[in-house]
Amino acid sequence: MSLPLPIGPRTGYDTPPGLPGIVVSGICRLPRIHILNGPNLNLLGTREPAIYGAATLADIEASLSRRATDAEVELIFRQSNHEGDLITWIQEAGCAGEPVILNAGAYTHTSIALADAIKGSGARVIEVHLSNTHAREDFRRHSFISPVAEGVILGFGPQSYHLALEALTSGVANKKA
């Protein structure tokens, strides 16, 4: 696991609320947001387009990258079909104090380990889903992620990711009601 990087103020930039810039050896870099995608999301665009739409994961990444440039944040965009990879990436982000937009796919409904990684590393997570999981099969209505996430956005297709990014860059995600 990577060691947390020191967090310090950014100078000469307007930092999005809740996302401090990172100072590494006197050089300032943009705040980072991790976008982590679980199993079968690599098949977007061809897998059940009536449910998940025609956009590919690459399409979603490209549109989010454009928004990230405007918001002055760096995106770390990853996908894995392996639970252990997702756990490691969540821990790295949490230990670095960097927020996560997480579409855990089917692991949402099965993985206590992902929930434990979020809790254990202190990761700030917004859970996203392309489809409205509550309008689907019964087993999709339970999430192990939701109780440890700051928020959940689902049912808006690729826009779910954009809404999560907006919540993080506007500071909405770290304001408690």
C-alpha atoms as a PDB file:
ATOM      1  CA  MET A   1       0.000   0.000   0.000  1.00  0.00           C
ATOM      2  CA  SER A   2       1.228   3.510  -0.754  1.00  0.00           C
ATOM      3  CA  LEU A   3       1.937   5.844   2.107  1.00  0.00           C
ATOM      4  CA  PRO A   4      -0.328   8.878   2.428  1.00  0.00           C
ATOM      5  CA  LEU A   5       1.010  11.995   0.734  1.00  0.00           C
ATOM      6  CA  PRO A   6       1.253  15.204   2.763  1.00  0.00           C
ATOM      7  CA  ILE A   7      -1.735  17.463   2.231  1.00  0.00           C
ATOM      8  CA  GLY A   8      -1.156  21.176   2.072  1.00  0.00           C
ATOM      9  CA  PRO A   9      -2.746  24.294   0.655  1.00  0.00           C
ATOM     10  CA  ARG A  10      -2.645  25.019  -3.042  1.00  0.00           C
ATOM     11  CA  THR A  11      -1.432  28.455  -3.944  1.00  0.00           C
ATOM     12  CA  GLY A  12      -2.485  30.373  -7.022  1.00  0.00           C
ATOM     13  CA  TYR A  13      -5.503  28.146  -7.645  1.00  0.00           C
ATOM     14  CA  ASP A  14      -9.108  28.028  -6.514  1.00  0.00           C
ATOM     15  CA  THR A  15      -9.330  24.680  -4.777  1.00  0.00           C
ATOM     16  CA  PRO A  16     -12.702  22.922  -5.021  1.00  0.00           C
ATOM     17  CA  PRO A  17     -14.306  22.805  -1.546  1.00  0.00           C
ATOM     18  CA  GLY A  18     -13.388  19.682   0.371  1.00  0.00           C
ATOM     19  CA  LEU A  19     -10.558  18.759  -2.013  1.00  0.00           C
ATOM     20  CA  PRO A  20      -7.247  20.160  -0.786  1.00  0.00           C
ATOM     21  CA  GLY A  21      -4.404  20.374  -3.257  1.00  0.00           C
ATOM     22  CA  ILE A  22      -1.470  18.097  -2.645  1.00  0.00           C
ATOM     23  CA  VAL A  23       2.033  19.458  -2.143  1.00  0.00           C
ATOM     24  CA  VAL A  24       4.793  17.012  -3.022  1.00  0.00           C
ATOM     25  CA  SER A  25       8.352  18.291  -2.535  1.00  0.00           C
ATOM     26  CA  GLY A  26       7.199  21.893  -2.993  1.00  0.00           C
ATOM     27  CA  ILE A  27       5.384  21.137  -6.258  1.00  0.00           C
ATOM     28  CA  CYS A  28       1.645  21.518  -6.188  1.00  0.00           C
ATOM     29  CA  ARG A  29      -0.573  19.092  -8.085  1.00  0.00           C
ATOM     30  CA  LEU A  30      -4.289  18.980  -8.642  1.00  0.00           C
ATOM     31  CA  PRO A  31      -6.475  17.225  -6.087  1.00  0.00           C
ATOM     32  CA  ARG A  32      -7.296  13.676  -7.138  1.00  0.00           C
ATOM     33  CA  ILE A  33     -10.549  11.738  -7.275  1.00  0.00           C
ATOM     34  CA  HIS A  34     -10.493   7.979  -7.806  1.00  0.00           C
ATOM     35  CA  ILE A  35     -13.190   6.487 -10.001  1.00  0.00           C
ATOM     36  CA  LEU A  36     -13.266   2.751  -9.399  1.00  0.00           C
ATOM     37  CA  ASN A  37     -15.334   0.304 -11.414  1.00  0.00           C
ATOM     38  CA  GLY A  38     -16.028  -3.309 -10.573  1.00  0.00           C
ATOM     39  CA  PRO A  39     -16.777  -6.510 -12.438  1.00  0.00           C
ATOM     40  CA  ASN A  40     -18.269  -6.536 -15.923  1.00  0.00           C
ATOM     41  CA  LEU A  41     -18.223  -2.761 -16.296  1.00  0.00           C
ATOM     42  CA  ASN A  42     -15.567  -3.293 -18.965  1.00  0.00           C
ATOM     43  CA  LEU A  43     -18.456  -4.722 -21.053  1.00  0.00           C
ATOM     44  CA  LEU A  44     -20.523  -1.533 -21.014  1.00  0.00           C
ATOM     45  CA  GLY A  45     -21.885  -0.633 -24.422  1.00  0.00           C
ATOM     46  CA  THR A  46     -22.493  -4.269 -25.332  1.00  0.00           C
ATOM     47  CA  ARG A  47     -23.738  -5.811 -22.069  1.00  0.00           C
ATOM     48  CA  GLU A  48     -27.502  -5.481 -21.707  1.00  0.00           C
ATOM     49  CA  PRO A  49     -27.783  -2.046 -23.343  1.00  0.00           C
ATOM     50  CA  ALA A  50     -31.496  -1.902 -22.494  1.00  0.00           C
ATOM     51  CA  ILE A  51     -30.456  -1.735 -18.827  1.00  0.00           C
ATOM     52  CA  TYR A  52     -27.015  -0.109 -18.905  1.00  0.00           C
ATOM     53  CA  GLY A  53     -27.194   1.988 -22.082  1.00  0.00           C
ATOM     54  CA  ALA A  54     -24.944   2.259 -25.110  1.00  0.00           C
ATOM     55  CA  ALA A  55     -22.102   4.225 -23.510  1.00  0.00           C
ATOM     56  CA  THR A  56     -18.857   2.339 -22.972  1.00  0.00           C
ATOM     57  CA  LEU A  57     -16.657   2.750 -19.916  1.00  0.00           C
ATOM     58  CA  ALA A  58     -14.217   4.631 -22.171  1.00  0.00           C
ATOM     59  CA  ASP A  59     -17.046   7.020 -23.147  1.00  0.00           C
ATOM     60  CA  ILE A  60     -17.807   7.662 -19.485  1.00  0.00           C
ATOM     61  CA  GLU A  61     -14.130   8.220 -18.690  1.00  0.00           C
ATOM     62  CA  ALA A  62     -13.747  10.686 -21.593  1.00  0.00           C
ATOM     63  CA  SER A  63     -16.767  12.764 -20.582  1.00  0.00           C
ATOM     64  CA  LEU A  64     -15.693  12.804 -16.924  1.00  0.00           C
ATOM     65  CA  SER A  65     -12.158  13.822 -17.915  1.00  0.00           C
ATOM     66  CA  ARG A  66     -13.543  16.886 -19.691  1.00  0.00           C
ATOM     67  CA  ARG A  67     -15.516  17.843 -16.569  1.00  0.00           C
ATOM     68  CA  ALA A  68     -12.487  17.200 -14.351  1.00  0.00           C
ATOM     69  CA  THR A  69     -10.379  19.615 -16.388  1.00  0.00           C
ATOM     70  CA  ASP A  70     -12.960  22.350 -15.836  1.00  0.00           C
ATOM     71  CA  ALA A  71     -13.128  21.517 -12.109  1.00  0.00           C
ATOM     72  CA  GLU A  72      -9.313  21.442 -11.815  1.00  0.00           C
ATOM     73  CA  VAL A  73      -9.145  17.912 -10.452  1.00  0.00           C
ATOM     74  CA  GLU A  74      -7.218  14.865 -11.606  1.00  0.00           C
ATOM     75  CA  LEU A  75      -9.101  11.619 -12.107  1.00  0.00           C
ATOM     76  CA  ILE A  76      -7.642   8.198 -11.432  1.00  0.00           C
ATOM     77  CA  PHE A  77      -9.956   5.963 -13.472  1.00  0.00           C
ATOM     78  CA  ARG A  78      -9.719   2.197 -12.969  1.00  0.00           C
ATOM     79  CA  GLN A  79     -11.718  -0.973 -13.613  1.00  0.00           C
ATOM     80  CA  SER A  80     -11.165  -4.503 -12.378  1.00  0.00           C
ATOM     81  CA  ASN A  81     -13.070  -7.755 -12.349  1.00  0.00           C
ATOM     82  CA  HIS A  82     -11.123  -8.721  -9.200  1.00  0.00           C
ATOM     83  CA  GLU A  83     -12.324  -7.805  -5.727  1.00  0.00           C
ATOM     84  CA  GLY A  84      -8.794  -7.614  -4.315  1.00  0.00           C
ATOM     85  CA  ASP A  85      -7.793  -4.904  -6.796  1.00  0.00           C
ATOM     86  CA  LEU A  86     -10.771  -2.780  -5.747  1.00  0.00           C
ATOM     87  CA  ILE A  87      -9.916  -3.285  -2.062  1.00  0.00           C
ATOM     88  CA  THR A  88      -6.311  -2.200  -2.626  1.00  0.00           C
ATOM     89  CA  TRP A  89      -7.351   0.885  -4.617  1.00  0.00           C
ATOM     90  CA  ILE A  90      -9.915   1.909  -1.973  1.00  0.00           C
ATOM     91  CA  GLN A  91      -7.292   1.548   0.762  1.00  0.00           C
ATOM     92  CA  GLU A  92      -4.770   3.607  -1.210  1.00  0.00           C
ATOM     93  CA  ALA A  93      -7.281   6.390  -1.820  1.00  0.00           C
ATOM     94  CA  GLY A  94      -8.486   6.359   1.776  1.00  0.00           C
ATOM     95  CA  CYS A  95      -4.970   6.478   3.213  1.00  0.00           C
ATOM     96  CA  ALA A  96      -4.115   9.361   0.860  1.00  0.00           C
ATOM     97  CA  GLY A  97      -7.257  11.276   1.869  1.00  0.00           C
ATOM     98  CA  GLU A  98      -8.523  11.207  -1.712  1.00  0.00           C
ATOM     99  CA  PRO A  99     -12.234  10.638  -2.408  1.00  0.00           C
ATOM    100  CA  VAL A 100     -13.641   7.736  -4.427  1.00  0.00           C
ATOM    101  CA  ILE A 101     -16.535   7.392  -6.831  1.00  0.00           C
ATOM    102  CA  LEU A 102     -17.279   3.668  -6.676  1.00  0.00           C
ATOM    103  CA  ASN A 103     -19.385   1.522  -8.971  1.00  0.00           C
ATOM    104  CA  ALA A 104     -18.690  -1.848  -7.404  1.00  0.00           C
ATOM    105  CA  GLY A 105     -21.005  -3.658  -9.833  1.00  0.00           C
ATOM    106  CA  ALA A 106     -22.254  -6.957  -8.430  1.00  0.00           C
ATOM    107  CA  TYR A 107     -19.774  -6.712  -5.529  1.00  0.00           C
ATOM    108  CA  THR A 108     -22.130  -4.046  -4.157  1.00  0.00           C
ATOM    109  CA  HIS A 109     -24.503  -6.817  -3.137  1.00  0.00           C
ATOM    110  CA  THR A 110     -21.966  -9.372  -1.925  1.00  0.00           C
ATOM    111  CA  SER A 111     -18.756  -7.811  -0.646  1.00  0.00           C
ATOM    112  CA  ILE A 112     -18.347  -7.230   3.052  1.00  0.00           C
ATOM    113  CA  ALA A 113     -14.631  -6.903   2.257  1.00  0.00           C
ATOM    114  CA  LEU A 114     -15.191  -3.756   0.178  1.00  0.00           C
ATOM    115  CA  ALA A 115     -17.261  -2.217   2.972  1.00  0.00           C
ATOM    116  CA  ASP A 116     -14.524  -3.105   5.467  1.00  0.00           C
ATOM    117  CA  ALA A 117     -11.889  -1.509   3.206  1.00  0.00           C
ATOM    118  CA  ILE A 118     -13.899   1.714   3.076  1.00  0.00           C
ATOM    119  CA  LYS A 119     -14.375   1.790   6.854  1.00  0.00           C
ATOM    120  CA  GLY A 120     -10.845   0.668   7.663  1.00  0.00           C
ATOM    121  CA  SER A 121      -9.085   3.179   5.412  1.00  0.00           C
ATOM    122  CA  GLY A 122     -11.455   6.049   6.112  1.00  0.00           C
ATOM    123  CA  ALA A 123     -12.140   6.418   2.395  1.00  0.00           C
ATOM    124  CA  ARG A 124     -14.718   9.021   1.390  1.00  0.00           C
ATOM    125  CA  VAL A 125     -16.894   7.113  -1.077  1.00  0.00           C
ATOM    126  CA  ILE A 126     -19.843   8.003  -3.238  1.00  0.00           C
ATOM    127  CA  GLU A 127     -21.532   4.844  -4.496  1.00  0.00           C
ATOM    128  CA  VAL A 128     -22.859   5.035  -8.061  1.00  0.00           C
ATOM    129  CA  HIS A 129     -24.882   2.745 -10.299  1.00  0.00           C
ATOM    130  CA  LEU A 130     -26.023   3.221 -13.863  1.00  0.00           C
ATOM    131  CA  SER A 131     -29.377   1.524 -13.304  1.00  0.00           C
ATOM    132  CA  ASN A 132     -31.892   1.949 -10.514  1.00  0.00           C
ATOM    133  CA  THR A 133     -30.992  -1.141  -8.527  1.00  0.00           C
ATOM    134  CA  HIS A 134     -34.158  -0.809  -6.437  1.00  0.00           C
ATOM    135  CA  ALA A 135     -36.299  -1.322  -9.542  1.00  0.00           C
ATOM    136  CA  ARG A 136     -34.540  -4.568 -10.424  1.00  0.00           C
ATOM    137  CA  GLU A 137     -34.187  -8.060  -8.921  1.00  0.00           C
ATOM    138  CA  ASP A 138     -34.578  -8.398  -5.162  1.00  0.00           C
ATOM    139  CA  PHE A 139     -30.909  -9.320  -4.602  1.00  0.00           C
ATOM    140  CA  ARG A 140     -29.818  -6.009  -6.166  1.00  0.00           C
ATOM    141  CA  ARG A 141     -31.764  -3.978  -3.603  1.00  0.00           C
ATOM    142  CA  HIS A 142     -29.259  -4.580  -0.806  1.00  0.00           C
ATOM    143  CA  SER A 143     -25.905  -2.827  -0.768  1.00  0.00           C
ATOM    144  CA  PHE A 144     -23.027  -3.516   1.597  1.00  0.00           C
ATOM    145  CA  ILE A 145     -21.468  -0.255   0.340  1.00  0.00           C
ATOM    146  CA  SER A 146     -24.326   2.174   1.074  1.00  0.00           C
ATOM    147  CA  PRO A 147     -24.010   2.118   4.892  1.00  0.00           C
ATOM    148  CA  VAL A 148     -20.357   3.209   4.688  1.00  0.00           C
ATOM    149  CA  ALA A 149     -20.691   5.621   1.733  1.00  0.00           C
ATOM    150  CA  GLU A 150     -21.193   9.374   2.036  1.00  0.00           C
ATOM    151  CA  GLY A 151     -23.927   9.144  -0.570  1.00  0.00           C
ATOM    152  CA  VAL A 152     -25.509   6.975  -3.238  1.00  0.00           C
ATOM    153  CA  ILE A 153     -26.442   8.030  -6.777  1.00  0.00           C
ATOM    154  CA  LEU A 154     -28.202   5.547  -9.027  1.00  0.00           C
ATOM    155  CA  GLY A 155     -30.507   5.195 -11.973  1.00  0.00           C
ATOM    156  CA  PHE A 156     -29.257   8.070 -14.113  1.00  0.00           C
ATOM    157  CA  GLY A 157     -27.031   6.117 -16.505  1.00  0.00           C
ATOM    158  CA  PRO A 158     -23.612   7.688 -17.097  1.00  0.00           C
ATOM    159  CA  GLN A 159     -24.945  10.899 -15.551  1.00  0.00           C
ATOM    160  CA  SER A 160     -24.715   9.130 -12.165  1.00  0.00           C
ATOM    161  CA  TYR A 161     -20.915   9.503 -12.370  1.00  0.00           C
ATOM    162  CA  HIS A 162     -21.211  13.180 -13.306  1.00  0.00           C
ATOM    163  CA  LEU A 163     -23.526  13.856 -10.375  1.00  0.00           C
ATOM    164  CA  ALA A 164     -21.036  12.207  -8.018  1.00  0.00           C
ATOM    165  CA  LEU A 165     -18.179  14.251  -9.463  1.00  0.00           C
ATOM    166  CA  GLU A 166     -20.247  17.413  -9.040  1.00  0.00           C
ATOM    167  CA  ALA A 167     -21.008  16.505  -5.425  1.00  0.00           C
ATOM    168  CA  LEU A 168     -17.304  16.062  -4.658  1.00  0.00           C
ATOM    169  CA  THR A 169     -16.027  19.137  -6.472  1.00  0.00           C
ATOM    170  CA  SER A 170     -18.756  21.447  -5.157  1.00  0.00           C
ATOM    171  CA  GLY A 171     -18.253  20.364  -1.568  1.00  0.00           C
ATOM    172  CA  VAL A 172     -21.777  18.941  -1.267  1.00  0.00           C
ATOM    173  CA  ALA A 173     -20.471  15.457  -0.420  1.00  0.00           C
ATOM    174  CA  ASN A 174     -18.691  16.516   2.751  1.00  0.00           C
ATOM    175  CA  LYS A 175     -21.570  18.572   4.174  1.00  0.00           C
ATOM    176  CA  LYS A 176     -23.720  16.654   6.600  1.00  0.00           C
ATOM    177  CA  ALA A 177     -27.446  17.421   6.784  1.00  0.00           C
END
